[in-house]
């Protein structure tokens, strides 16, 4: 009896030692991803949320390099990720894309021997249905793409120190057609295209020894790039399990991709459900970006308010002049000269520009001594399009990439319109001053009567700097600029090459762009002519206003 008790005691001690030796094992299986820098942080957060939404309770491990900030590490830990620091593996390929400088680090998942099996997912993937069945897969599983090459964005790996060491021995000798880890794995697993297709949940009767390699179906790695080509998934959408956003630099966290790629809606829906693990991070927000967004929203509004304030000051100044001591006498004189000259003087529109002068650029003004520069129209059109390109570029650069889609779109339009109106308005001011300078060099008005009459007209023009025509052109440009790029979204264009209907819809978008370009050409030329004519007629007036689309 004592002998039996001693045996049981020895067995208990042995089990305790085994349990202590395996204390570092977090679990037999885990989901793994890589993070090289904060740019992909939001992608990892959304990926983790999508895994948890399927009901999985397995470990989620984020392998992060020293390029990841402390804030990002704390945020991932707060989201439920196990954060592990790793050193980067150098890319041995001299000819490779610049963004592939550290991708060979992905091979370290083959050395995560504390786990029996791991499912690796790129940061630009999202899980839409449970993929727990992947842990039944063979020792190495991946998906074949249309090029008959395995894709390393979704893989099932059975870690092995021996396997990892063998890879490290061959990393400098095996070629990589991509210049990265994916090309190396295709060379290492050269026979992978001949592997059997993975069939989950095989019954015990049909069980077989675990194969070395198995191919995953498209359900586990649905390529958004292929979706864009055909405007539909290659498999039944309701059966999809993992979506992979393989569009190069177009990642789902960039705000503009939501307006270009329909499947990004799935990613954005998961993003909106992200909890506020750290202050200011709810819904995938970045506390630093949020302050910048508030400033970017406020600056254009402040610019418009300033322009309106200037306009009100000019209007009040004109009203005060109207009710000065001699205002009644001067006003009566202007009315007198207006009626006296009504039969012989040229007709002026309500905004103070000779209507005939804006129709024919070669027509003479008043006494036939001044003409419009023949190249004014062409220069104005060129400057208009340059101002539009500058405005779009500036807006694209300053708007943070990872804001919500509607926030990014509104900021883009706000900054594009405001910058364009200010830049092109400054150009119109230069044209106006050019007209004044040219008019001073000649004598357009000979008599005192016409001089007094012109003074009356100048007063009218000062009080109507923001005339209806200018605002009409500006509003027209803005409306067409909103409608033209919105046609793909309104008409459901999500394919690059598809059927005739999609090509027809794409043609409508191109037509909208042509209409916008034509309207901008006409409006820029017409506004420049108006500004030049005003300068000719206002040669004796002080510089009291700015000819600007925003006043």
Protein backbone atom coordinates (compact mmCIF):
# COMPACT_ATOMS: atom_id res chain seq x y z
CA UNK A 1 0.00 0.00 0.00
CA UNK A 2 2.84 2.34 0.83
CA UNK A 3 4.46 1.40 -2.46
CA UNK A 4 1.28 2.35 -4.34
CA UNK A 5 1.06 5.68 -2.51
CA UNK A 6 4.66 6.47 -3.40
CA UNK A 7 3.93 5.72 -7.05
CA UNK A 8 0.96 8.07 -7.07
CA UNK A 9 3.05 10.73 -5.35
CA UNK A 10 5.77 10.44 -7.98
CA UNK A 11 3.16 10.66 -10.74
CA UNK A 12 1.67 13.81 -9.17
CA UNK A 13 5.10 15.46 -8.96
CA UNK A 14 5.79 14.53 -12.59
CA UNK A 15 2.51 16.05 -13.75
CA UNK A 16 3.23 19.21 -11.76
CA UNK A 17 6.66 19.50 -13.40
CA UNK A 18 5.15 19.03 -16.84
CA UNK A 19 2.51 21.66 -16.11
CA UNK A 20 5.19 24.06 -14.85
CA UNK A 21 7.33 23.43 -17.93
CA UNK A 22 4.44 24.22 -20.21
CA UNK A 23 3.41 27.32 -18.30
CA UNK A 24 4.45 29.56 -21.18
CA UNK A 25 1.97 27.88 -23.56
CA UNK A 26 -0.91 30.34 -23.91
CA UNK A 27 -3.06 27.77 -25.70
CA UNK A 28 -2.82 25.09 -28.38
CA UNK A 29 -4.08 27.41 -31.14
CA UNK A 30 -4.02 31.11 -31.92
CA UNK A 31 -4.74 33.79 -34.51
CA UNK A 32 -1.65 35.78 -35.50
CA UNK A 33 -0.97 38.99 -37.40
CA UNK A 34 1.98 41.30 -37.98
CA UNK A 35 2.35 45.03 -37.40
CA UNK A 36 5.40 46.91 -38.68
CA UNK A 37 4.18 50.46 -37.96
CA UNK A 38 1.21 52.49 -36.78
CA UNK A 39 -0.14 52.88 -40.31
CA UNK A 40 -1.73 49.40 -40.15
CA UNK A 41 -2.86 49.73 -36.51
CA UNK A 42 -6.49 50.39 -37.40
CA UNK A 43 -6.50 47.36 -39.68
CA UNK A 44 -5.32 45.11 -36.83
CA UNK A 45 -7.95 46.55 -34.51
CA UNK A 46 -10.75 45.86 -36.99
CA UNK A 47 -9.38 42.37 -37.68
CA UNK A 48 -9.42 41.55 -33.96
CA UNK A 49 -12.96 42.83 -33.56
CA UNK A 50 -14.12 40.75 -36.52
CA UNK A 51 -12.56 37.61 -35.00
CA UNK A 52 -14.28 38.22 -31.67
CA UNK A 53 -17.59 38.92 -33.42
CA UNK A 54 -17.57 35.32 -34.71
CA UNK A 55 -17.54 34.06 -31.12
CA UNK A 56 -13.92 32.88 -31.06
CA UNK A 57 -12.11 32.88 -27.71
CA UNK A 58 -8.73 31.73 -28.99
CA UNK A 59 -5.61 33.79 -28.42
CA UNK A 60 -5.01 36.73 -30.75
CA UNK A 61 -1.28 37.45 -31.06
CA UNK A 62 0.12 40.60 -32.66
CA UNK A 63 3.80 40.40 -33.58
CA UNK A 64 5.01 44.00 -33.53
CA UNK A 65 8.36 45.48 -34.51
CA UNK A 66 10.21 48.35 -32.88
CA UNK A 67 8.58 50.73 -35.41
CA UNK A 68 5.29 50.49 -33.52
CA UNK A 69 4.59 53.21 -30.96
CA UNK A 70 3.92 52.53 -27.28
CA UNK A 71 0.41 53.97 -27.70
CA UNK A 72 -0.35 51.41 -30.42
CA UNK A 73 0.88 48.55 -28.23
CA UNK A 74 -1.27 49.66 -25.30
CA UNK A 75 -4.28 50.05 -27.54
CA UNK A 76 -3.89 46.54 -28.98
CA UNK A 77 -3.54 45.09 -25.50
CA UNK A 78 -6.68 46.94 -24.45
CA UNK A 79 -8.46 45.42 -27.46
CA UNK A 80 -7.52 41.91 -26.32
CA UNK A 81 -4.40 41.22 -28.38
CA UNK A 82 -1.32 39.54 -26.93
CA UNK A 83 1.48 41.86 -28.07
CA UNK A 84 4.88 40.29 -28.73
CA UNK A 85 7.94 42.30 -29.73
CA UNK A 86 10.01 40.86 -32.57
CA UNK A 87 13.08 41.91 -34.52
CA UNK A 88 12.77 42.36 -38.28
CA UNK A 89 14.24 39.88 -40.72
CA UNK A 90 16.20 41.53 -43.50
CA UNK A 91 14.92 41.11 -47.04
CA UNK A 92 17.73 39.45 -49.02
CA UNK A 93 16.35 40.57 -52.39
CA UNK A 94 17.97 43.62 -53.90
CA UNK A 95 15.25 44.06 -56.54
CA UNK A 96 11.98 44.52 -54.65
CA UNK A 97 9.29 47.12 -53.97
CA UNK A 98 10.26 49.58 -51.26
CA UNK A 99 7.29 48.53 -49.11
CA UNK A 100 8.65 44.95 -48.96
CA UNK A 101 11.66 45.90 -46.86
CA UNK A 102 10.53 43.90 -43.80
CA UNK A 103 8.05 41.35 -45.12
CA UNK A 104 10.36 38.36 -44.57
CA UNK A 105 9.59 38.84 -40.86
CA UNK A 106 6.34 36.99 -41.58
CA UNK A 107 8.37 33.77 -41.66
CA UNK A 108 8.70 34.01 -37.87
CA UNK A 109 5.20 32.62 -37.49
CA UNK A 110 6.71 29.23 -38.42
CA UNK A 111 8.76 29.46 -35.20
CA UNK A 112 5.88 30.11 -32.78
CA UNK A 113 6.37 26.65 -31.28
CA UNK A 114 4.46 27.36 -28.07
CA UNK A 115 1.32 26.96 -30.17
CA UNK A 116 0.24 23.74 -31.79
CA UNK A 117 -1.24 25.56 -34.76
CA UNK A 118 -1.71 29.19 -35.78
CA UNK A 119 -3.89 30.91 -38.36
CA UNK A 120 -2.09 33.88 -39.83
CA UNK A 121 -4.14 36.82 -41.18
CA UNK A 122 -2.80 39.97 -42.84
CA UNK A 123 -3.82 43.29 -41.29
CA UNK A 124 -5.85 44.10 -44.43
CA UNK A 125 -8.16 41.11 -44.00
CA UNK A 126 -11.45 40.83 -42.16
CA UNK A 127 -13.30 37.76 -40.85
CA UNK A 128 -17.00 37.72 -41.70
CA UNK A 129 -17.80 34.16 -40.54
CA UNK A 130 -16.22 31.76 -38.09
CA UNK A 131 -12.99 30.21 -39.34
CA UNK A 132 -12.36 27.93 -36.37
CA UNK A 133 -12.43 24.99 -38.80
CA UNK A 134 -9.09 26.17 -40.22
CA UNK A 135 -7.36 24.67 -37.18
CA UNK A 136 -8.28 21.26 -38.65
CA UNK A 137 -6.17 21.99 -41.72
CA UNK A 138 -2.82 20.36 -42.52
CA UNK A 139 0.64 21.46 -41.50
CA UNK A 140 0.65 24.24 -44.08
CA UNK A 141 -2.44 25.65 -45.79
CA UNK A 142 -2.94 28.65 -48.05
CA UNK A 143 -5.05 29.83 -50.95
CA UNK A 144 -4.14 29.71 -54.63
CA UNK A 145 -4.87 32.88 -56.59
CA UNK A 146 -5.67 33.23 -60.28
CA UNK A 147 -1.95 33.15 -61.11
CA UNK A 148 -1.62 29.62 -59.60
CA UNK A 149 0.53 31.10 -56.85
CA UNK A 150 -0.15 30.75 -53.16
CA UNK A 151 -1.13 33.92 -51.36
CA UNK A 152 0.45 34.48 -47.94
CA UNK A 153 -2.30 36.79 -46.67
CA UNK A 154 -4.18 33.91 -45.03
CA UNK A 155 -2.21 30.84 -43.92
CA UNK A 156 -2.52 27.95 -41.50
CA UNK A 157 0.84 26.94 -40.02
CA UNK A 158 1.97 24.20 -37.66
CA UNK A 159 5.03 25.85 -36.08
CA UNK A 160 8.28 23.89 -35.99
CA UNK A 161 11.75 25.01 -34.99
CA UNK A 162 13.26 22.55 -37.47
CA UNK A 163 11.11 23.91 -40.30
CA UNK A 164 11.99 27.52 -39.44
CA UNK A 165 15.72 26.76 -39.33
CA UNK A 166 15.49 25.09 -42.74
CA UNK A 167 13.78 28.17 -44.14
CA UNK A 168 16.49 30.41 -42.76
CA UNK A 169 19.14 28.28 -44.43
CA UNK A 170 17.46 28.67 -47.82
CA UNK A 171 16.25 32.26 -47.53
CA UNK A 172 19.24 33.60 -49.48
CA UNK A 173 19.24 30.94 -52.17
CA UNK A 174 15.58 30.43 -53.13
CA UNK A 175 14.21 32.99 -55.59
CA UNK A 176 11.22 35.22 -54.87
CA UNK A 177 9.14 36.32 -57.84
CA UNK A 178 7.58 39.11 -55.77
CA UNK A 179 10.76 40.17 -54.00
CA UNK A 180 9.03 39.34 -50.70
CA UNK A 181 7.93 36.51 -48.41
CA UNK A 182 5.14 35.34 -50.73
CA UNK A 183 7.53 34.64 -53.57
CA UNK A 184 9.89 32.81 -51.22
CA UNK A 185 7.09 30.59 -49.89
CA UNK A 186 6.06 29.73 -53.44
CA UNK A 187 9.61 28.57 -54.08
CA UNK A 188 9.86 26.73 -50.77
CA UNK A 189 6.53 24.95 -51.26
CA UNK A 190 7.07 24.39 -54.97
CA UNK A 191 4.58 21.51 -55.14
CA UNK A 192 1.81 23.44 -53.41
CA UNK A 193 -0.41 23.82 -56.54
CA UNK A 194 -0.79 20.01 -56.50
CA UNK A 195 -2.00 19.91 -52.89
CA UNK A 196 -5.49 18.62 -52.12
CA UNK A 197 -8.29 21.02 -51.32
CA UNK A 198 -9.02 21.40 -47.62
CA UNK A 199 -12.45 20.02 -46.67
CA UNK A 200 -13.40 20.98 -43.10
CA UNK A 201 -15.23 18.80 -40.58
CA UNK A 202 -14.38 15.42 -42.08
CA UNK A 203 -16.07 12.61 -40.18
CA UNK A 204 -14.01 10.17 -38.18
CA UNK A 205 -14.68 7.42 -40.74
CA UNK A 206 -13.15 9.50 -43.52
CA UNK A 207 -10.27 10.81 -41.45
CA UNK A 208 -6.80 10.48 -42.89
CA UNK A 209 -3.29 11.27 -41.74
CA UNK A 210 -2.69 14.98 -41.56
CA UNK A 211 -1.26 16.08 -44.92
CA UNK A 212 1.78 18.29 -45.24
CA UNK A 213 -0.03 20.84 -47.42
CA UNK A 214 -3.65 21.67 -48.24
CA UNK A 215 -5.22 24.33 -50.43
CA UNK A 216 -7.81 26.69 -49.01
CA UNK A 217 -10.86 27.62 -51.04
CA UNK A 218 -11.64 31.20 -52.04
CA UNK A 219 -14.09 31.39 -49.15
CA UNK A 220 -11.12 31.80 -46.78
CA UNK A 221 -9.34 34.44 -48.87
CA UNK A 222 -11.78 36.36 -51.06
CA UNK A 223 -9.81 38.79 -53.23
CA UNK A 224 -11.33 42.27 -53.52
CA UNK A 225 -9.19 42.86 -56.61
CA UNK A 226 -11.03 40.09 -58.44
CA UNK A 227 -14.32 41.51 -57.21
CA UNK A 228 -13.48 44.85 -58.81
CA UNK A 229 -12.80 43.18 -62.15
CA UNK A 230 -16.09 41.27 -62.31
CA UNK A 231 -18.32 43.41 -60.06
CA UNK A 232 -19.16 40.27 -58.08
CA UNK A 233 -17.54 37.62 -55.92
CA UNK A 234 -16.24 34.39 -57.47
CA UNK A 235 -18.25 32.44 -54.87
CA UNK A 236 -21.59 32.85 -53.17
CA UNK A 237 -21.37 36.00 -51.05
CA UNK A 238 -23.31 34.54 -48.14
CA UNK A 239 -20.68 31.80 -47.75
CA UNK A 240 -17.67 34.14 -47.54
CA UNK A 241 -15.51 33.78 -44.45
CA UNK A 242 -12.50 36.08 -45.00
CA UNK A 243 -12.25 39.14 -47.24
CA UNK A 244 -8.79 40.25 -48.31
CA UNK A 245 -8.38 43.86 -49.49
CA UNK A 246 -5.65 43.25 -52.05
CA UNK A 247 -5.66 46.55 -53.90
CA UNK A 248 -2.09 47.66 -53.34
CA UNK A 249 -2.06 51.13 -51.75
CA UNK A 250 -5.89 51.25 -51.60
CA UNK A 251 -6.50 49.97 -48.09
CA UNK A 252 -9.92 49.88 -46.38
CA UNK A 253 -8.88 52.33 -43.67
CA UNK A 254 -8.21 55.05 -46.26
CA UNK A 255 -11.39 57.16 -46.31
CA UNK A 256 -11.60 57.42 -50.11
CA UNK A 257 -11.69 53.64 -50.71
CA UNK A 258 -15.18 53.45 -49.21
CA UNK A 259 -16.40 55.56 -52.15
CA UNK A 260 -14.55 53.45 -54.72
CA UNK A 261 -14.85 49.84 -53.53
CA UNK A 262 -18.20 48.47 -52.40
CA UNK A 263 -16.86 45.60 -50.16
CA UNK A 264 -15.17 48.21 -47.97
CA UNK A 265 -18.63 48.77 -46.45
CA UNK A 266 -18.22 45.45 -44.61
CA UNK A 267 -14.93 46.64 -43.11
CA UNK A 268 -16.35 50.04 -42.15
CA UNK A 269 -19.33 48.43 -40.40
CA UNK A 270 -16.96 46.50 -38.13
CA UNK A 271 -14.86 49.59 -37.57
CA UNK A 272 -17.86 51.52 -36.29
CA UNK A 273 -18.34 48.89 -33.59
CA UNK A 274 -14.83 49.30 -32.15
CA UNK A 275 -15.06 50.13 -28.47
CA UNK A 276 -13.28 52.99 -26.76
CA UNK A 277 -10.52 50.81 -25.35
CA UNK A 278 -8.49 53.95 -24.65
CA UNK A 279 -9.87 57.51 -24.44
CA UNK A 280 -10.80 58.85 -27.87
CA UNK A 281 -10.39 55.56 -29.75
CA UNK A 282 -14.03 54.53 -30.13
CA UNK A 283 -15.13 53.80 -33.69
CA UNK A 284 -11.50 53.52 -34.80
CA UNK A 285 -10.74 57.16 -34.14
CA UNK A 286 -7.28 58.50 -33.51
CA UNK A 287 -7.09 61.14 -30.74
CA UNK A 288 -4.34 63.03 -32.59
CA UNK A 289 -6.28 63.04 -35.87
CA UNK A 290 -9.43 64.22 -34.13
CA UNK A 291 -7.86 67.53 -33.09
CA UNK A 292 -6.55 68.04 -36.62
CA UNK A 293 -9.99 67.27 -38.09
CA UNK A 294 -11.63 69.90 -35.89
CA UNK A 295 -9.07 72.49 -37.00
CA UNK A 296 -9.50 71.57 -40.67
CA UNK A 297 -13.26 71.93 -40.38
CA UNK A 298 -13.00 75.34 -38.71
CA UNK A 299 -10.38 77.05 -40.90
CA UNK A 300 -12.40 77.28 -44.17
CA UNK A 301 -15.45 78.47 -42.25
CA UNK A 302 -13.36 81.16 -40.58
CA UNK A 303 -12.03 82.20 -44.00
CA UNK A 304 -15.57 82.56 -45.36
CA UNK A 305 -16.68 84.51 -42.30
CA UNK A 306 -13.71 86.84 -42.73
CA UNK A 307 -14.61 87.46 -46.36
CA UNK A 308 -18.23 88.13 -45.36
CA UNK A 309 -17.00 90.51 -42.65
CA UNK A 310 -14.96 92.43 -45.23
CA UNK A 311 -17.96 92.62 -47.51
CA UNK A 312 -20.13 93.97 -44.68
CA UNK A 313 -17.52 96.60 -43.87
CA UNK A 314 -17.49 97.76 -47.50
CA UNK A 315 -21.29 97.81 -47.59
CA UNK A 316 -21.51 99.82 -44.38
CA UNK A 317 -18.86 102.21 -45.71
CA UNK A 318 -20.90 102.77 -48.85
CA UNK A 319 -24.06 103.34 -46.80
CA UNK A 320 -22.29 105.86 -44.58
CA UNK A 321 -21.15 107.70 -47.70
CA UNK A 322 -24.69 107.68 -48.99
CA UNK A 323 -25.99 109.47 -45.87
CA UNK A 324 -23.16 112.01 -45.46
CA UNK A 325 -23.74 115.79 -45.51
CA UNK A 326 -23.52 116.16 -49.24
CA UNK A 327 -24.97 112.74 -49.99
CA UNK A 328 -28.40 114.03 -51.03
CA UNK A 329 -26.86 116.57 -53.40
CA UNK A 330 -24.41 114.03 -54.86
CA UNK A 331 -27.15 111.46 -55.19
CA UNK A 332 -29.37 113.95 -57.02
CA UNK A 333 -26.49 114.79 -59.39
CA UNK A 334 -25.94 111.10 -60.15
CA UNK A 335 -29.62 110.61 -60.88
CA UNK A 336 -29.56 113.69 -63.14
CA UNK A 337 -26.53 112.50 -65.13
CA UNK A 338 -27.96 109.01 -65.31
CA UNK A 339 -31.12 110.20 -67.03
CA UNK A 340 -29.22 112.73 -69.12
CA UNK A 341 -26.88 110.05 -70.45
CA UNK A 342 -29.43 107.25 -70.78
CA UNK A 343 -29.96 107.85 -74.48
CA UNK A 344 -26.32 108.29 -75.56
CA UNK A 345 -24.22 106.34 -73.09
CA UNK A 346 -23.56 102.63 -73.39
CA UNK A 347 -25.90 100.30 -71.53
CA UNK A 348 -24.58 98.78 -68.28
CA UNK A 349 -25.86 95.73 -66.55
CA UNK A 350 -26.86 95.64 -62.92
CA UNK A 351 -23.37 94.64 -61.94
CA UNK A 352 -21.71 97.58 -63.67
CA UNK A 353 -20.19 95.82 -66.70
CA UNK A 354 -20.96 96.73 -70.25
CA UNK A 355 -23.04 93.88 -71.53
CA UNK A 356 -21.69 94.15 -75.05
CA UNK A 357 -18.12 94.06 -73.84
CA UNK A 358 -18.49 90.61 -72.34
CA UNK A 359 -19.84 89.13 -75.54
CA UNK A 360 -17.13 90.15 -77.99
CA UNK A 361 -13.58 90.33 -76.61
CA UNK A 362 -12.44 92.37 -79.60
CA UNK A 363 -15.07 95.06 -79.11
CA UNK A 364 -13.88 98.55 -78.17
CA UNK A 365 -14.90 100.33 -74.97
CA UNK A 366 -16.49 103.74 -74.76
CA UNK A 367 -14.29 105.78 -77.11
CA UNK A 368 -12.68 102.84 -78.87
CA UNK A 369 -9.26 103.30 -77.32
CA UNK A 370 -9.05 100.10 -75.24
CA UNK A 371 -9.47 96.47 -76.16
CA UNK A 372 -9.40 93.23 -74.18
CA UNK A 373 -6.08 91.35 -74.42
CA UNK A 374 -6.56 88.57 -76.96
CA UNK A 375 -4.88 86.03 -74.69
CA UNK A 376 -6.88 86.89 -71.53
CA UNK A 377 -9.38 84.06 -72.05
CA UNK A 378 -6.79 81.34 -72.65
CA UNK A 379 -4.68 82.45 -69.69
CA UNK A 380 -7.75 82.51 -67.45
CA UNK A 381 -8.79 78.98 -68.46
CA UNK A 382 -5.26 77.69 -67.84
CA UNK A 383 -5.05 79.39 -64.45
CA UNK A 384 -8.50 78.07 -63.51
CA UNK A 385 -7.49 74.46 -64.10
CA UNK A 386 -4.15 74.97 -62.36
CA UNK A 387 -6.01 76.40 -59.36
CA UNK A 388 -8.33 73.35 -59.39
CA UNK A 389 -5.40 70.92 -59.48
CA UNK A 390 -3.62 72.82 -56.72
CA UNK A 391 -6.77 72.82 -54.58
CA UNK A 392 -7.37 69.09 -55.05
CA UNK A 393 -3.75 68.26 -54.26
CA UNK A 394 -3.71 70.42 -51.14
CA UNK A 395 -6.97 68.94 -49.86
CA UNK A 396 -5.79 65.39 -50.56
CA UNK A 397 -2.54 66.00 -48.66
CA UNK A 398 -3.92 67.69 -45.55
CA UNK A 399 -6.99 65.48 -44.93
CA UNK A 400 -5.99 62.57 -42.62
CA UNK A 401 -6.21 59.23 -44.42
CA UNK A 402 -7.92 57.21 -41.70
CA UNK A 403 -10.89 59.42 -40.88
CA UNK A 404 -14.43 58.17 -41.46
CA UNK A 405 -15.51 58.20 -45.14
CA UNK A 406 -18.09 60.97 -44.76
CA UNK A 407 -15.67 63.07 -42.71
CA UNK A 408 -12.98 62.72 -45.35
CA UNK A 409 -15.37 63.54 -48.19
CA UNK A 410 -16.72 66.66 -46.49
CA UNK A 411 -13.23 67.90 -45.62
CA UNK A 412 -12.08 67.22 -49.18
CA UNK A 413 -14.89 69.27 -50.70
CA UNK A 414 -14.63 72.01 -48.09
CA UNK A 415 -10.92 72.56 -48.61
CA UNK A 416 -11.01 72.11 -52.38
CA UNK A 417 -13.78 74.67 -52.88
CA UNK A 418 -12.41 77.18 -50.38
CA UNK A 419 -8.85 76.97 -51.71
CA UNK A 420 -10.01 77.20 -55.33
CA UNK A 421 -12.24 80.22 -54.72
CA UNK A 422 -9.50 82.06 -52.84
CA UNK A 423 -6.75 81.26 -55.37
CA UNK A 424 -8.85 82.02 -58.44
CA UNK A 425 -10.32 85.06 -56.69
CA UNK A 426 -6.79 86.41 -56.21
CA UNK A 427 -6.19 85.88 -59.92
CA UNK A 428 -9.35 87.86 -60.75
CA UNK A 429 -8.12 90.64 -58.46
CA UNK A 430 -4.88 90.77 -60.44
CA UNK A 431 -6.87 90.97 -63.68
CA UNK A 432 -8.96 93.76 -62.18
CA UNK A 433 -5.85 95.73 -61.20
CA UNK A 434 -4.42 95.08 -64.65
CA UNK A 435 -7.53 96.63 -66.17
CA UNK A 436 -7.21 99.70 -63.92
CA UNK A 437 -3.55 100.12 -64.84
CA UNK A 438 -4.31 99.89 -68.53
CA UNK A 439 -7.20 102.34 -68.31
CA UNK A 440 -5.01 104.96 -66.57
CA UNK A 441 -2.60 104.82 -69.49
CA UNK A 442 -5.33 106.00 -71.90
CA UNK A 443 -8.14 108.50 -71.83
CA UNK A 444 -11.47 106.72 -71.87
CA UNK A 445 -13.59 109.60 -70.59
CA UNK A 446 -13.29 113.14 -71.92
CA UNK A 447 -16.15 115.15 -70.42
CA UNK A 448 -17.05 116.01 -66.84
CA UNK A 449 -20.53 114.67 -67.37
CA UNK A 450 -19.27 111.24 -68.32
CA UNK A 451 -16.80 111.38 -65.44
CA UNK A 452 -19.58 112.08 -62.95
CA UNK A 453 -21.66 109.39 -64.54
CA UNK A 454 -18.82 106.90 -64.21
CA UNK A 455 -18.47 107.90 -60.55
CA UNK A 456 -22.09 106.96 -60.05
CA UNK A 457 -21.53 103.63 -61.79
CA UNK A 458 -18.44 102.92 -59.71
CA UNK A 459 -20.48 103.47 -56.56
CA UNK A 460 -22.99 100.93 -57.77
CA UNK A 461 -20.23 98.43 -58.54
CA UNK A 462 -18.63 98.83 -55.13
CA UNK A 463 -21.90 97.99 -53.44
CA UNK A 464 -22.39 94.95 -55.66
CA UNK A 465 -18.99 93.28 -55.45
CA UNK A 466 -20.71 89.97 -54.67
CA UNK A 467 -23.10 90.15 -57.64
CA UNK A 468 -25.50 87.45 -58.68
CA UNK A 469 -23.51 86.45 -61.77
CA UNK A 470 -20.33 85.75 -59.81
CA UNK A 471 -22.19 83.71 -57.23
CA UNK A 472 -24.03 81.85 -60.00
CA UNK A 473 -20.78 80.76 -61.60
CA UNK A 474 -19.30 79.72 -58.26
CA UNK A 475 -22.43 77.78 -57.28
CA UNK A 476 -22.56 76.13 -60.69
CA UNK A 477 -18.97 74.94 -60.43
CA UNK A 478 -19.58 73.58 -56.94
CA UNK A 479 -22.76 71.71 -57.90
CA UNK A 480 -21.25 70.10 -60.99
CA UNK A 481 -18.10 69.22 -59.05
CA UNK A 482 -20.27 67.40 -56.49
CA UNK A 483 -22.54 65.67 -59.00
CA UNK A 484 -19.90 64.48 -61.51
CA UNK A 485 -17.82 62.28 -59.15
CA UNK A 486 -20.97 61.14 -57.33
CA UNK A 487 -22.38 59.41 -60.40
CA UNK A 488 -20.47 56.13 -59.80
CA UNK A 489 -21.81 55.90 -56.24
CA UNK A 490 -25.35 56.87 -57.23
CA UNK A 491 -25.41 54.49 -60.20
CA UNK A 492 -23.63 51.65 -58.41
CA UNK A 493 -20.37 51.54 -60.39
CA UNK A 494 -17.93 49.26 -58.55
CA UNK A 495 -16.28 47.43 -61.46
CA UNK A 496 -13.30 48.38 -63.59
CA UNK A 497 -14.24 46.09 -66.47
CA UNK A 498 -17.71 44.61 -66.59
CA UNK A 499 -20.77 44.49 -68.80
CA UNK A 500 -22.11 47.10 -71.16
CA UNK A 501 -24.34 48.70 -68.51
CA UNK A 502 -21.37 49.43 -66.22
CA UNK A 503 -19.45 50.87 -69.16
CA UNK A 504 -22.46 53.04 -69.95
CA UNK A 505 -22.56 54.28 -66.35
CA UNK A 506 -18.84 54.94 -66.44
CA UNK A 507 -19.44 56.91 -69.63
CA UNK A 508 -21.94 59.08 -67.75
CA UNK A 509 -19.28 59.84 -65.15
CA UNK A 510 -16.81 60.82 -67.88
CA UNK A 511 -19.50 62.97 -69.48
CA UNK A 512 -20.03 64.70 -66.14
CA UNK A 513 -16.31 65.47 -66.01
CA UNK A 514 -16.44 66.93 -69.52
CA UNK A 515 -19.41 69.12 -68.56
CA UNK A 516 -17.52 70.35 -65.50
CA UNK A 517 -14.41 71.14 -67.56
CA UNK A 518 -16.48 72.98 -70.16
CA UNK A 519 -18.33 75.02 -67.56
CA UNK A 520 -15.09 75.90 -65.79
CA UNK A 521 -13.57 77.05 -69.08
CA UNK A 522 -16.53 79.28 -69.92
CA UNK A 523 -16.91 80.66 -66.38
CA UNK A 524 -13.22 81.41 -65.92
CA UNK A 525 -13.03 83.31 -69.22
CA UNK A 526 -16.24 85.23 -68.56
CA UNK A 527 -15.28 86.19 -64.99
CA UNK A 528 -11.82 87.33 -66.12
CA UNK A 529 -13.36 89.56 -68.81
CA UNK A 530 -15.78 91.03 -66.26
CA UNK A 531 -12.92 91.74 -63.85
CA UNK A 532 -10.82 93.37 -66.58
CA UNK A 533 -13.74 95.56 -67.73
CA UNK A 534 -14.42 96.66 -64.17
CA UNK A 535 -10.79 97.62 -63.83
CA UNK A 536 -11.05 99.70 -67.00
CA UNK A 537 -14.11 101.51 -65.69
CA UNK A 538 -12.86 101.94 -62.11
CA UNK A 539 -9.56 103.60 -62.93
CA UNK A 540 -10.21 106.59 -60.64
CA UNK A 541 -11.72 104.62 -57.75
CA UNK A 542 -9.73 103.73 -54.62
CA UNK A 543 -8.89 100.10 -54.00
CA UNK A 544 -11.85 99.36 -51.76
CA UNK A 545 -12.83 95.88 -52.74
CA UNK A 546 -11.52 92.57 -54.01
CA UNK A 547 -12.86 90.86 -57.08
CA UNK A 548 -13.12 87.40 -55.57
CA UNK A 549 -15.48 84.49 -55.83
CA UNK A 550 -15.74 84.60 -52.06
CA UNK A 551 -15.77 88.40 -51.87
